PDB file of N, CA and C in Angstrom:
ATOM      1  N   MET A   1      54.254  14.850 103.810  1.00  0.00           N
ATOM      2  CA  MET A   1      53.097  14.959 103.032  1.00  0.00           C
ATOM      3  C   MET A   1      52.055  16.454 103.071  1.00  0.00           C
ATOM      4  N   GLN A   2      51.656  16.816 101.677  1.00  0.00           N
ATOM      5  CA  GLN A   2      51.153  18.261 102.142  1.00  0.00           C
ATOM      6  C   GLN A   2      49.458  17.986 102.368  1.00  0.00           C
ATOM      7  N   THR A   3      49.238  19.295 103.414  1.00  0.00           N
ATOM      8  CA  THR A   3      47.810  18.986 103.643  1.00  0.00           C
ATOM      9  C   THR A   3      47.028  19.622 102.740  1.00  0.00           C
ATOM     10  N   PRO A   4      45.834  19.460 102.710  1.00  0.00           N
ATOM     11  CA  PRO A   4      44.317  19.665 101.504  1.00  0.00           C
ATOM     12  C   PRO A   4      44.805  21.094 101.757  1.00  0.00           C
ATOM     13  N   LYS A   5      44.822  21.869 102.887  1.00  0.00           N
ATOM     14  CA  LYS A   5      44.867  23.441 102.868  1.00  0.00           C
ATOM     15  C   LYS A   5      46.130  23.916 101.991  1.00  0.00           C
ATOM     16  N   ARG A   6      47.261  23.370 102.353  1.00  0.00           N
ATOM     17  CA  ARG A   6      48.446  23.731 101.254  1.00  0.00           C
ATOM     18  C   ARG A   6      48.387  23.346  99.878  1.00  0.00           C
ATOM     19  N   ARG A   7      48.082  22.069  99.537  1.00  0.00           N
ATOM     20  CA  ARG A   7      47.366  21.931  98.308  1.00  0.00           C
ATOM     21  C   ARG A   7      46.493  22.500  97.500  1.00  0.00           C
ATOM     22  N   ALA A   8      45.482  23.427  98.002  1.00  0.00           N
ATOM     23  CA  ALA A   8      44.685  24.072  97.707  1.00  0.00           C
ATOM     24  C   ALA A   8      45.312  25.347  97.265  1.00  0.00           C
ATOM     25  N   ARG A   9      46.316  25.898  97.842  1.00  0.00           N
ATOM     26  CA  ARG A   9      46.875  27.195  97.597  1.00  0.00           C
ATOM     27  C   ARG A   9      47.436  26.909  96.282  1.00  0.00           C
ATOM     28  N   TYR A  10      47.994  25.741  96.263  1.00  0.00           N
ATOM     29  CA  TYR A  10      49.030  25.730  94.762  1.00  0.00           C
ATOM     30  C   TYR A  10      48.278  25.498  93.757  1.00  0.00           C
ATOM     31  N   ALA A  11      46.968  25.043  94.243  1.00  0.00           N
ATOM     32  CA  ALA A  11      46.089  24.550  93.237  1.00  0.00           C
ATOM     33  C   ALA A  11      45.239  26.018  92.682  1.00  0.00           C
ATOM     34  N   THR A  12      45.366  26.633  93.492  1.00  0.00           N
ATOM     35  CA  THR A  12      44.644  28.296  92.997  1.00  0.00           C
ATOM     36  C   THR A  12      45.965  29.490  92.458  1.00  0.00           C
ATOM     37  N   GLY A  13      47.275  28.921  93.062  1.00  0.00           N
ATOM     38  CA  GLY A  13      48.218  29.873  92.603  1.00  0.00           C
ATOM     39  C   GLY A  13      48.144  30.833  93.840  1.00  0.00           C
ATOM     40  N   LEU A  14      48.050  30.811  95.082  1.00  0.00           N
ATOM     41  CA  LEU A  14      48.042  32.028  95.922  1.00  0.00           C
ATOM     42  C   LEU A  14      49.875  31.950  96.335  1.00  0.00           C
ATOM     43  N   GLU A  15      50.661  30.972  96.111  1.00  0.00           N
ATOM     44  CA  GLU A  15      51.714  31.417  96.490  1.00  0.00           C
ATOM     45  C   GLU A  15      52.328  31.797  95.616  1.00  0.00           C
ATOM     46  N   GLU A  16      53.512  32.559  95.949  1.00  0.00           N
ATOM     47  CA  GLU A  16      54.196  33.391  94.923  1.00  0.00           C
ATOM     48  C   GLU A  16      55.157  32.715  94.282  1.00  0.00           C
ATOM     49  N   ALA A  17      55.006  32.551  92.842  1.00  0.00           N
ATOM     50  CA  ALA A  17      55.682  31.803  92.146  1.00  0.00           C
ATOM     51  C   ALA A  17      57.431  32.062  91.997  1.00  0.00           C
ATOM     52  N   PRO A  18      58.104  31.348  91.468  1.00  0.00           N
ATOM     53  CA  PRO A  18      59.542  31.802  91.522  1.00  0.00           C
ATOM     54  C   PRO A  18      59.705  32.553  90.219  1.00  0.00           C
ATOM     55  N   ARG A  19      60.583  33.769  90.257  1.00  0.00           N
ATOM     56  CA  ARG A  19      61.142  34.264  88.788  1.00  0.00           C
ATOM     57  C   ARG A  19      61.393  33.490  87.681  1.00  0.00           C
ATOM     58  N   VAL A  20      60.728  33.261  86.713  1.00  0.00           N
ATOM     59  CA  VAL A  20      61.022  32.386  85.657  1.00  0.00           C
ATOM     60  C   VAL A  20      60.649  33.218  84.590  1.00  0.00           C
ATOM     61  N   ARG A  21      60.945  32.758  83.415  1.00  0.00           N
ATOM     62  CA  ARG A  21      60.935  32.874  81.721  1.00  0.00           C
ATOM     63  C   ARG A  21      60.496  31.947  81.021  1.00  0.00           C
ATOM     64  N   GLU A  22      59.628  32.489  80.121  1.00  0.00           N
ATOM     65  CA  GLU A  22      58.765  31.497  79.370  1.00  0.00           C
ATOM     66  C   GLU A  22      59.771  30.849  78.234  1.00  0.00           C
ATOM     67  N   ASP A  23      59.679  29.756  77.854  1.00  0.00           N
ATOM     68  CA  ASP A  23      60.571  29.306  76.932  1.00  0.00           C
ATOM     69  C   ASP A  23      60.171  29.743  75.287  1.00  0.00           C
ATOM     70  N   ALA A  24      61.115  29.923  74.752  1.00  0.00           N
ATOM     71  CA  ALA A  24      60.768  30.435  73.108  1.00  0.00           C
ATOM     72  C   ALA A  24      59.852  29.600  72.514  1.00  0.00           C
ATOM     73  N   ALA A  25      60.359  28.287  72.336  1.00  0.00           N
ATOM     74  CA  ALA A  25      59.679  27.183  72.010  1.00  0.00           C
ATOM     75  C   ALA A  25      58.444  26.761  72.364  1.00  0.00           C
ATOM     76  N   SER A  26      58.442  27.047  73.625  1.00  0.00           N
ATOM     77  CA  SER A  26      56.962  26.564  74.341  1.00  0.00           C
ATOM     78  C   SER A  26      56.210  27.653  74.095  1.00  0.00           C
ATOM     79  N   ALA A  27      56.490  28.876  73.919  1.00  0.00           N
ATOM     80  CA  ALA A  27      55.816  29.879  74.249  1.00  0.00           C
ATOM     81  C   ALA A  27      55.130  30.025  72.740  1.00  0.00           C
ATOM     82  N   LEU A  28      55.583  29.380  71.584  1.00  0.00           N
ATOM     83  CA  LEU A  28      55.242  29.580  70.219  1.00  0.00           C
ATOM     84  C   LEU A  28      53.742  28.504  70.235  1.00  0.00           C
ATOM     85  N   SER A  29      54.445  27.028  70.734  1.00  0.00           N
ATOM     86  CA  SER A  29      53.584  26.025  70.984  1.00  0.00           C
ATOM     87  C   SER A  29      52.367  26.216  71.817  1.00  0.00           C
ATOM     88  N   GLY A  30      52.199  27.209  72.601  1.00  0.00           N
ATOM     89  CA  GLY A  30      51.380  27.231  73.800  1.00  0.00           C
ATOM     90  C   GLY A  30      51.675  26.605  75.084  1.00  0.00           C
ATOM     91  N   GLY A  31      52.464  25.631  75.069  1.00  0.00           N
ATOM     92  CA  GLY A  31      52.725  24.962  76.138  1.00  0.00           C
ATOM     93  C   GLY A  31      53.296  25.481  77.533  1.00  0.00           C
ATOM     94  N   GLY A  32      53.304  24.739  78.956  1.00  0.00           N
ATOM     95  CA  GLY A  32      53.480  25.659  80.179  1.00  0.00           C
ATOM     96  C   GLY A  32      54.951  25.413  80.566  1.00  0.00           C
ATOM     97  N   ARG A  33      55.883  25.546  79.867  1.00  0.00           N
ATOM     98  CA  ARG A  33      57.464  25.072  80.110  1.00  0.00           C
ATOM     99  C   ARG A  33      57.885  26.458  80.496  1.00  0.00           C
ATOM    100  N   ARG A  34      58.483  26.453  81.238  1.00  0.00           N
ATOM    101  CA  ARG A  34      59.178  27.948  82.166  1.00  0.00           C
ATOM    102  C   ARG A  34      60.952  27.283  82.107  1.00  0.00           C
ATOM    103  N   VAL A  35      61.298  28.600  82.040  1.00  0.00           N
ATOM    104  CA  VAL A  35      62.773  28.226  82.597  1.00  0.00           C
ATOM    105  C   VAL A  35      63.315  29.375  83.746  1.00  0.00           C
ATOM    106  N   VAL A  36      63.996  28.625  84.509  1.00  0.00           N
ATOM    107  CA  VAL A  36      64.259  29.081  85.806  1.00  0.00           C
ATOM    108  C   VAL A  36      65.925  28.873  85.885  1.00  0.00           C
ATOM    109  N   SER A  37      66.314  29.817  86.666  1.00  0.00           N
ATOM    110  CA  SER A  37      67.783  29.447  87.075  1.00  0.00           C
ATOM    111  C   SER A  37      68.129  28.544  88.094  1.00  0.00           C
ATOM    112  N   ALA A  38      69.439  27.904  88.015  1.00  0.00           N
ATOM    113  CA  ALA A  38      69.832  26.733  89.219  1.00  0.00           C
ATOM    114  C   ALA A  38      69.611  27.476  90.423  1.00  0.00           C
ATOM    115  N   THR A  39      69.653  28.957  90.482  1.00  0.00           N
ATOM    116  CA  THR A  39      69.847  29.349  92.059  1.00  0.00           C
ATOM    117  C   THR A  39      68.481  29.550  92.380  1.00  0.00           C
ATOM    118  N   GLU A  40      67.380  30.223  91.463  1.00  0.00           N
ATOM    119  CA  GLU A  40      66.185  30.593  91.743  1.00  0.00           C
ATOM    120  C   GLU A  40      65.712  29.221  92.385  1.00  0.00           C
ATOM    121  N   ALA A  41      65.870  28.122  91.540  1.00  0.00           N
ATOM    122  CA  ALA A  41      65.517  26.785  91.511  1.00  0.00           C
ATOM    123  C   ALA A  41      65.844  26.183  92.966  1.00  0.00           C
ATOM    124  N   ALA A  42      66.900  26.118  93.393  1.00  0.00           N
ATOM    125  CA  ALA A  42      67.582  25.864  94.832  1.00  0.00           C
ATOM    126  C   ALA A  42      66.704  26.623  96.096  1.00  0.00           C
ATOM    127  N   ARG A  43      66.643  27.954  95.679  1.00  0.00           N
ATOM    128  CA  ARG A  43      65.790  28.851  96.844  1.00  0.00           C
ATOM    129  C   ARG A  43      64.473  28.346  96.710  1.00  0.00           C
ATOM    130  N   ASN A  44      63.884  28.147  95.474  1.00  0.00           N
ATOM    131  CA  ASN A  44      62.056  27.756  96.080  1.00  0.00           C
ATOM    132  C   ASN A  44      62.000  26.300  95.234  1.00  0.00           C
ATOM    133  N   PHE A  45      62.859  25.263  95.649  1.00  0.00           N
ATOM    134  CA  PHE A  45      62.809  23.798  95.331  1.00  0.00           C
ATOM    135  C   PHE A  45      61.221  23.489  95.366  1.00  0.00           C
ATOM    136  N   SER A  46      60.878  23.675  97.117  1.00  0.00           N
ATOM    137  CA  SER A  46      59.760  23.253  97.584  1.00  0.00           C
ATOM    138  C   SER A  46      58.641  23.602  96.493  1.00  0.00           C
ATOM    139  N   ASP A  47      58.408  24.830  96.208  1.00  0.00           N
ATOM    140  CA  ASP A  47      57.665  25.279  95.469  1.00  0.00           C
ATOM    141  C   ASP A  47      57.385  25.075  94.232  1.00  0.00           C
ATOM    142  N   LEU A  48      58.561  24.972  93.506  1.00  0.00           N
ATOM    143  CA  LEU A  48      58.717  24.236  92.231  1.00  0.00           C
ATOM    144  C   LEU A  48      57.857  22.834  91.944  1.00  0.00           C
ATOM    145  N   ILE A  49      58.284  22.008  92.900  1.00  0.00           N
ATOM    146  CA  ILE A  49      57.937  20.595  93.320  1.00  0.00           C
ATOM    147  C   ILE A  49      56.232  20.456  93.298  1.00  0.00           C
ATOM    148  N   SER A  50      56.170  21.672  93.973  1.00  0.00           N
ATOM    149  CA  SER A  50      54.417  21.488  94.353  1.00  0.00           C
ATOM    150  C   SER A  50      53.853  21.852  93.070  1.00  0.00           C
ATOM    151  N   ARG A  51      54.215  23.107  92.457  1.00  0.00           N
ATOM    152  CA  ARG A  51      53.639  23.308  91.183  1.00  0.00           C
ATOM    153  C   ARG A  51      53.543  22.667  90.031  1.00  0.00           C
ATOM    154  N   VAL A  52      54.808  21.728  90.078  1.00  0.00           N
ATOM    155  CA  VAL A  52      54.878  20.718  88.989  1.00  0.00           C
ATOM    156  C   VAL A  52      53.876  19.501  89.246  1.00  0.00           C
ATOM    157  N   CYS A  53      53.657  18.946  90.465  1.00  0.00           N
ATOM    158  CA  CYS A  53      52.774  18.215  90.978  1.00  0.00           C
ATOM    159  C   CYS A  53      51.446  18.639  90.857  1.00  0.00           C
ATOM    160  N   TYR A  54      50.780  19.716  91.316  1.00  0.00           N
ATOM    161  CA  TYR A  54      49.564  20.095  91.594  1.00  0.00           C
ATOM    162  C   TYR A  54      48.946  20.918  90.350  1.00  0.00           C
ATOM    163  N   GLN A  55      49.805  21.493  89.884  1.00  0.00           N
ATOM    164  CA  GLN A  55      49.295  22.304  88.612  1.00  0.00           C
ATOM    165  C   GLN A  55      50.072  21.948  86.927  1.00  0.00           C
ATOM    166  N   GLY A  56      50.825  20.637  87.365  1.00  0.00           N
ATOM    167  CA  GLY A  56      51.308  20.314  85.992  1.00  0.00           C
ATOM    168  C   GLY A  56      52.080  21.117  84.929  1.00  0.00           C
ATOM    169  N   GLU A  57      52.729  22.069  85.889  1.00  0.00           N
ATOM    170  CA  GLU A  57      53.522  22.997  85.245  1.00  0.00           C
ATOM    171  C   GLU A  57      55.172  22.266  84.961  1.00  0.00           C
ATOM    172  N   THR A  58      55.839  22.727  84.182  1.00  0.00           N
ATOM    173  CA  THR A  58      57.067  21.995  83.615  1.00  0.00           C
ATOM    174  C   THR A  58      57.992  23.421  83.751  1.00  0.00           C
ATOM    175  N   TYR A  59      59.490  22.898  84.196  1.00  0.00           N
ATOM    176  CA  TYR A  59      60.155  23.819  84.524  1.00  0.00           C
ATOM    177  C   TYR A  59      61.891  23.271  83.893  1.00  0.00           C
ATOM    178  N   VAL A  60      62.121  24.155  82.993  1.00  0.00           N
ATOM    179  CA  VAL A  60      63.774  24.040  82.559  1.00  0.00           C
ATOM    180  C   VAL A  60      64.784  24.693  83.557  1.00  0.00           C
ATOM    181  N   VAL A  61      65.819  23.969  83.783  1.00  0.00           N
ATOM    182  CA  VAL A  61      66.425  24.672  85.108  1.00  0.00           C
ATOM    183  C   VAL A  61      67.881  24.865  84.419  1.00  0.00           C
ATOM    184  N   GLU A  62      67.971  26.123  84.630  1.00  0.00           N
ATOM    185  CA  GLU A  62      69.238  26.456  83.672  1.00  0.00           C
ATOM    186  C   GLU A  62      70.540  27.157  84.502  1.00  0.00           C
ATOM    187  N   ARG A  63      72.000  26.821  84.217  1.00  0.00           N
ATOM    188  CA  ARG A  63      72.978  26.964  84.528  1.00  0.00           C
ATOM    189  C   ARG A  63      73.873  27.723  83.880  1.00  0.00           C
ATOM    190  N   GLY A  64      74.107  28.949  83.859  1.00  0.00           N
ATOM    191  CA  GLY A  64      75.127  29.707  83.156  1.00  0.00           C
ATOM    192  C   GLY A  64      74.070  30.024  81.594  1.00  0.00           C
ATOM    193  N   GLY A  65      73.038  29.920  81.516  1.00  0.00           N
ATOM    194  CA  GLY A  65      72.420  30.229  80.321  1.00  0.00           C
ATOM    195  C   GLY A  65      72.292  28.707  79.620  1.00  0.00           C
ATOM    196  N   LYS A  66      72.735  27.748  80.202  1.00  0.00           N
ATOM    197  CA  LYS A  66      72.630  26.568  79.715  1.00  0.00           C
ATOM    198  C   LYS A  66      71.148  25.527  80.359  1.00  0.00           C
ATOM    199  N   ALA A  67      70.473  24.743  79.449  1.00  0.00           N
ATOM    200  CA  ALA A  67      69.576  24.050  80.285  1.00  0.00           C
ATOM    201  C   ALA A  67      70.091  22.732  81.057  1.00  0.00           C
ATOM    202  N   MET A  68      70.060  22.466  81.853  1.00  0.00           N
ATOM    203  CA  MET A  68      70.693  21.416  82.792  1.00  0.00           C
ATOM    204  C   MET A  68      69.751  20.169  82.813  1.00  0.00           C
ATOM    205  N   CYS A  69      68.516  20.619  83.068  1.00  0.00           N
ATOM    206  CA  CYS A  69      67.484  19.424  83.862  1.00  0.00           C
ATOM    207  C   CYS A  69      66.428  20.053  83.462  1.00  0.00           C
ATOM    208  N   GLU A  70      65.190  19.173  83.553  1.00  0.00           N
ATOM    209  CA  GLU A  70      63.924  19.694  83.402  1.00  0.00           C
ATOM    210  C   GLU A  70      63.010  18.839  84.306  1.00  0.00           C
ATOM    211  N   LEU A  71      62.310  19.585  85.094  1.00  0.00           N
ATOM    212  CA  LEU A  71      61.305  19.025  86.264  1.00  0.00           C
ATOM    213  C   LEU A  71      59.782  19.123  85.460  1.00  0.00           C
ATOM    214  N   VAL A  72      59.386  17.963  85.395  1.00  0.00           N
ATOM    215  CA  VAL A  72      58.167  17.867  84.652  1.00  0.00           C
ATOM    216  C   VAL A  72      57.446  16.333  85.715  1.00  0.00           C
ATOM    217  N   PRO A  73      55.992  16.585  85.500  1.00  0.00           N
ATOM    218  CA  PRO A  73      55.312  15.949  86.499  1.00  0.00           C
ATOM    219  C   PRO A  73      55.709  13.905  86.115  1.00  0.00           C
ATOM    220  N   ALA A  74      55.604  13.439  86.921  1.00  0.00           N
ATOM    221  CA  ALA A  74      55.947  11.830  86.785  1.00  0.00           C
ATOM    222  C   ALA A  74      54.814  11.518  86.206  1.00  0.00           C
ATOM    223  N   GLY A  75      55.003  10.246  85.165  1.00  0.00           N
ATOM    224  CA  GLY A  75      53.754   9.727  84.516  1.00  0.00           C
ATOM    225  C   GLY A  75      54.656   9.543  83.160  1.00  0.00           C
ATOM    226  N   VAL A  76      53.450   9.616  82.261  1.00  0.00           N
ATOM    227  CA  VAL A  76      53.494   9.241  80.811  1.00  0.00           C
ATOM    228  C   VAL A  76      53.889  10.635  80.184  1.00  0.00           C
ATOM    229  N   ARG A  77      54.644  10.701  79.165  1.00  0.00           N
ATOM    230  CA  ARG A  77      54.984  12.293  79.062  1.00  0.00           C
ATOM    231  C   ARG A  77      54.563  12.004  77.552  1.00  0.00           C
ATOM    232  N   ARG A  78      53.698  13.030  77.024  1.00  0.00           N
ATOM    233  CA  ARG A  78      53.180  13.056  75.687  1.00  0.00           C
ATOM    234  C   ARG A  78      53.642  13.914  74.876  1.00  0.00           C
ATOM    235  N   CYS A  79      54.226  13.909  73.528  1.00  0.00           N
ATOM    236  CA  CYS A  79      54.742  14.597  72.602  1.00  0.00           C
ATOM    237  C   CYS A  79      53.727  15.206  71.642  1.00  0.00           C
ATOM    238  N   THR A  80      53.472  16.360  71.396  1.00  0.00           N
ATOM    239  CA  THR A  80      52.595  16.739  70.417  1.00  0.00           C
ATOM    240  C   THR A  80      53.604  17.026  68.963  1.00  0.00           C
ATOM    241  N   GLY A  81      52.710  17.259  67.890  1.00  0.00           N
ATOM    242  CA  GLY A  81      53.531  17.955  66.855  1.00  0.00           C
ATOM    243  C   GLY A  81      53.926  18.879  67.044  1.00  0.00           C
ATOM    244  N   ALA A  82      53.659  19.876  67.641  1.00  0.00           N
ATOM    245  CA  ALA A  82      54.340  21.156  67.941  1.00  0.00           C
ATOM    246  C   ALA A  82      55.695  20.754  68.825  1.00  0.00           C
ATOM    247  N   ASP A  83      55.636  20.297  69.830  1.00  0.00           N
ATOM    248  CA  ASP A  83      56.663  19.655  70.470  1.00  0.00           C
ATOM    249  C   ASP A  83      57.916  19.151  69.664  1.00  0.00           C
ATOM    250  N   LEU A  84      57.212  18.367  68.648  1.00  0.00           N
ATOM    251  CA  LEU A  84      58.600  17.771  67.617  1.00  0.00           C
ATOM    252  C   LEU A  84      59.264  18.808  66.588  1.00  0.00           C
ATOM    253  N   LEU A  85      58.119  19.710  66.301  1.00  0.00           N
ATOM    254  CA  LEU A  85      58.541  21.024  65.522  1.00  0.00           C
ATOM    255  C   LEU A  85      59.300  21.578  66.118  1.00  0.00           C
ATOM    256  N   ALA A  86      59.424  21.982  67.397  1.00  0.00           N
ATOM    257  CA  ALA A  86      60.453  23.014  68.121  1.00  0.00           C
ATOM    258  C   ALA A  86      61.573  22.246  68.590  1.00  0.00           C
ATOM    259  N   LEU A  87      61.504  20.718  68.394  1.00  0.00           N
ATOM    260  CA  LEU A  87      62.654  19.949  68.731  1.00  0.00           C
ATOM    261  C   LEU A  87      63.643  19.920  67.469  1.00  0.00           C
ATOM    262  N   LEU A  88      62.702  19.607  66.286  1.00  0.00           N
ATOM    263  CA  LEU A  88      63.751  19.693  64.979  1.00  0.00           C
ATOM    264  C   LEU A  88      64.389  20.786  64.405  1.00  0.00           C
ATOM    265  N   THR A  89      63.554  21.982  65.132  1.00  0.00           N
ATOM    266  CA  THR A  89      64.298  23.490  64.468  1.00  0.00           C
ATOM    267  C   THR A  89      65.355  23.587  65.436  1.00  0.00           C
ATOM    268  N   THR A  90      65.694  23.202  66.484  1.00  0.00           N
ATOM    269  CA  THR A  90      66.882  23.468  67.595  1.00  0.00           C
ATOM    270  C   THR A  90      67.871  22.590  67.043  1.00  0.00           C
ATOM    271  N   LEU A  91      67.624  21.221  66.388  1.00  0.00           N
ATOM    272  CA  LEU A  91      68.911  20.403  66.047  1.00  0.00           C
ATOM    273  C   LEU A  91      69.604  20.990  64.941  1.00  0.00           C
ATOM    274  N   ALA A  92      70.780  20.300  64.730  1.00  0.00           N
ATOM    275  CA  ALA A  92      71.885  21.225  63.876  1.00  0.00           C
ATOM    276  C   ALA A  92      72.034  20.529  62.465  1.00  0.00           C
ATOM    277  N   ARG A  93      72.102  21.192  61.294  1.00  0.00           N
ATOM    278  CA  ARG A  93      71.785  20.576  59.922  1.00  0.00           C
ATOM    279  C   ARG A  93      72.931  19.905  59.675  1.00  0.00           C
ATOM    280  N   PRO A  94      72.974  18.350  59.118  1.00  0.00           N
ATOM    281  CA  PRO A  94      74.133  17.976  58.822  1.00  0.00           C
ATOM    282  C   PRO A  94      74.687  18.695  57.597  1.00  0.00           C
ATOM    283  N   ASP A  95      76.082  18.808  57.503  1.00  0.00           N
ATOM    284  CA  ASP A  95      77.143  19.286  56.406  1.00  0.00           C
ATOM    285  C   ASP A  95      76.925  18.987  55.364  1.00  0.00           C
ATOM    286  N   GLU A  96      77.299  19.025  54.220  1.00  0.00           N
ATOM    287  CA  GLU A  96      77.251  18.652  52.721  1.00  0.00           C
ATOM    288  C   GLU A  96      78.355  17.260  53.159  1.00  0.00           C
ATOM    289  N   SER A  97      79.462  17.349  53.461  1.00  0.00           N
ATOM    290  CA  SER A  97      79.994  16.163  53.187  1.00  0.00           C
ATOM    291  C   SER A  97      79.901  14.823  54.188  1.00  0.00           C
ATOM    292  N   PHE A  98      78.792  15.238  55.276  1.00  0.00           N
ATOM    293  CA  PHE A  98      78.164  13.913  55.822  1.00  0.00           C
ATOM    294  C   PHE A  98      77.153  13.725  54.864  1.00  0.00           C
ATOM    295  N   LEU A  99      76.277  14.260  54.460  1.00  0.00           N
ATOM    296  CA  LEU A  99      75.225  13.855  53.536  1.00  0.00           C
ATOM    297  C   LEU A  99      76.160  13.354  52.462  1.00  0.00           C
ATOM    298  N   ALA A 100      77.175  13.527  51.594  1.00  0.00           N
ATOM    299  CA  ALA A 100      77.546  12.763  50.297  1.00  0.00           C
ATOM    300  C   ALA A 100      77.960  11.696  51.060  1.00  0.00           C
ATOM    301  N   ALA A 101      79.095  11.538  52.091  1.00  0.00           N
ATOM    302  CA  ALA A 101      79.350  10.009  52.483  1.00  0.00           C
ATOM    303  C   ALA A 101      78.302   8.921  52.778  1.00  0.00           C
ATOM    304  N   VAL A 102      76.993   9.937  53.226  1.00  0.00           N
ATOM    305  CA  VAL A 102      75.909   8.422  53.526  1.00  0.00           C
ATOM    306  C   VAL A 102      75.290   8.203  51.892  1.00  0.00           C
ATOM    307  N   GLU A 103      75.221   9.222  51.253  1.00  0.00           N
ATOM    308  CA  GLU A 103      74.794   8.585  49.860  1.00  0.00           C
ATOM    309  C   GLU A 103      75.871   7.572  49.195  1.00  0.00           C
ATOM    310  N   ASP A 104      76.912   7.894  49.671  1.00  0.00           N
ATOM    311  CA  ASP A 104      78.123   6.592  48.844  1.00  0.00           C
ATOM    312  C   ASP A 104      78.105   5.620  49.239  1.00  0.00           C
ATOM    313  N   LEU A 105      77.960   5.506  50.832  1.00  0.00           N
ATOM    314  CA  LEU A 105      77.774   4.063  51.358  1.00  0.00           C
ATOM    315  C   LEU A 105      76.474   3.656  50.930  1.00  0.00           C
ATOM    316  N   THR A 106      75.520   4.063  50.904  1.00  0.00           N
ATOM    317  CA  THR A 106      74.226   3.254  50.578  1.00  0.00           C
ATOM    318  C   THR A 106      74.305   2.830  48.770  1.00  0.00           C
ATOM    319  N   ARG A 107      75.072   3.582  47.946  1.00  0.00           N
ATOM    320  CA  ARG A 107      75.111   3.129  46.743  1.00  0.00           C
ATOM    321  C   ARG A 107      75.853   2.171  46.500  1.00  0.00           C
ATOM    322  N   HIS A 108      77.167   2.095  47.177  1.00  0.00           N
ATOM    323  CA  HIS A 108      78.121   0.900  47.696  1.00  0.00           C
ATOM    324  C   HIS A 108      77.725  -0.051  48.784  1.00  0.00           C
ATOM    325  N   GLN A 109      76.775  -0.366  48.830  1.00  0.00           N
ATOM    326  CA  GLN A 109      76.083  -1.080  50.033  1.00  0.00           C
ATOM    327  C   GLN A 109      76.360  -2.625  49.582  1.00  0.00           C
ATOM    328  N   ALA A 110      76.713  -3.745  50.088  1.00  0.00           N
ATOM    329  CA  ALA A 110      76.708  -4.897  49.465  1.00  0.00           C
ATOM    330  C   ALA A 110      75.373  -5.538  49.212  1.00  0.00           C
ATOM    331  N   VAL A 111      74.815  -6.528  48.433  1.00  0.00           N
ATOM    332  CA  VAL A 111      73.240  -6.882  48.401  1.00  0.00           C
ATOM    333  C   VAL A 111      73.420  -8.082  49.366  1.00  0.00           C
ATOM    334  N   VAL A 112      72.317  -8.014  50.009  1.00  0.00           N
ATOM    335  CA  VAL A 112      72.322  -9.188  51.204  1.00  0.00           C
ATOM    336  C   VAL A 112      70.954  -9.974  50.237  1.00  0.00           C
ATOM    337  N   GLU A 113      71.648 -11.546  50.301  1.00  0.00           N
ATOM    338  CA  GLU A 113      70.647 -12.369  49.957  1.00  0.00           C
ATOM    339  C   GLU A 113      69.545 -12.388  50.670  1.00  0.00           C
ATOM    340  N   PRO A 114      68.359 -12.873  49.723  1.00  0.00           N
ATOM    341  CA  PRO A 114      67.099 -13.029  50.608  1.00  0.00           C
ATOM    342  C   PRO A 114      67.430 -14.209  51.332  1.00  0.00           C
ATOM    343  N   SER A 115      66.741 -14.300  52.709  1.00  0.00           N
ATOM    344  CA  SER A 115      66.421 -15.537  53.592  1.00  0.00           C
ATOM    345  C   SER A 115      66.154 -16.567  52.956  1.00  0.00           C
ATOM    346  N   VAL A 116      66.175 -18.057  53.636  1.00  0.00           N
ATOM    347  CA  VAL A 116      65.271 -18.967  53.260  1.00  0.00           C
ATOM    348  C   VAL A 116      63.850 -18.815  52.889  1.00  0.00           C
ATOM    349  N   TRP A 117      63.361 -18.249  54.245  1.00  0.00           N
ATOM    350  CA  TRP A 117      62.043 -18.233  54.624  1.00  0.00           C
ATOM    351  C   TRP A 117      61.603 -17.052  53.470  1.00  0.00           C
ATOM    352  N   GLU A 118      62.047 -16.253  52.893  1.00  0.00           N
ATOM    353  CA  GLU A 118      61.846 -15.092  52.024  1.00  0.00           C
ATOM    354  C   GLU A 118      61.346 -15.486  50.430  1.00  0.00           C
ATOM    355  N   LYS A 119      62.107 -16.831  50.173  1.00  0.00           N
ATOM    356  CA  LYS A 119      62.127 -17.524  48.941  1.00  0.00           C
ATOM    357  C   LYS A 119      60.838 -18.227  48.565  1.00  0.00           C
TER     358      LYS A 119
END
């Protein structure tokens, strides 16, 4: 359990932070997400957990340049419009053959009779 003195050090930022870089999507949305390597996270795990807990920071842990996991404060996660936009811009676009197949299936979909409750 953290003592009040140690908790205060993290709240005021007096502990040295691990080497991190800002996530590009987070920098655009003004969020507090930071990227840290798996090695750096392992070396500073206790500090990262304390920063997540007491300062509400969020860290993406990468291995080999690929995101592996995310350290976030426990509790309800809120998604802002900027978060949704950042997510949508990272998704791959469907190719034309997929869109044509969806349109074809939609056009040739069997008609479902209304239920007795809807008549």
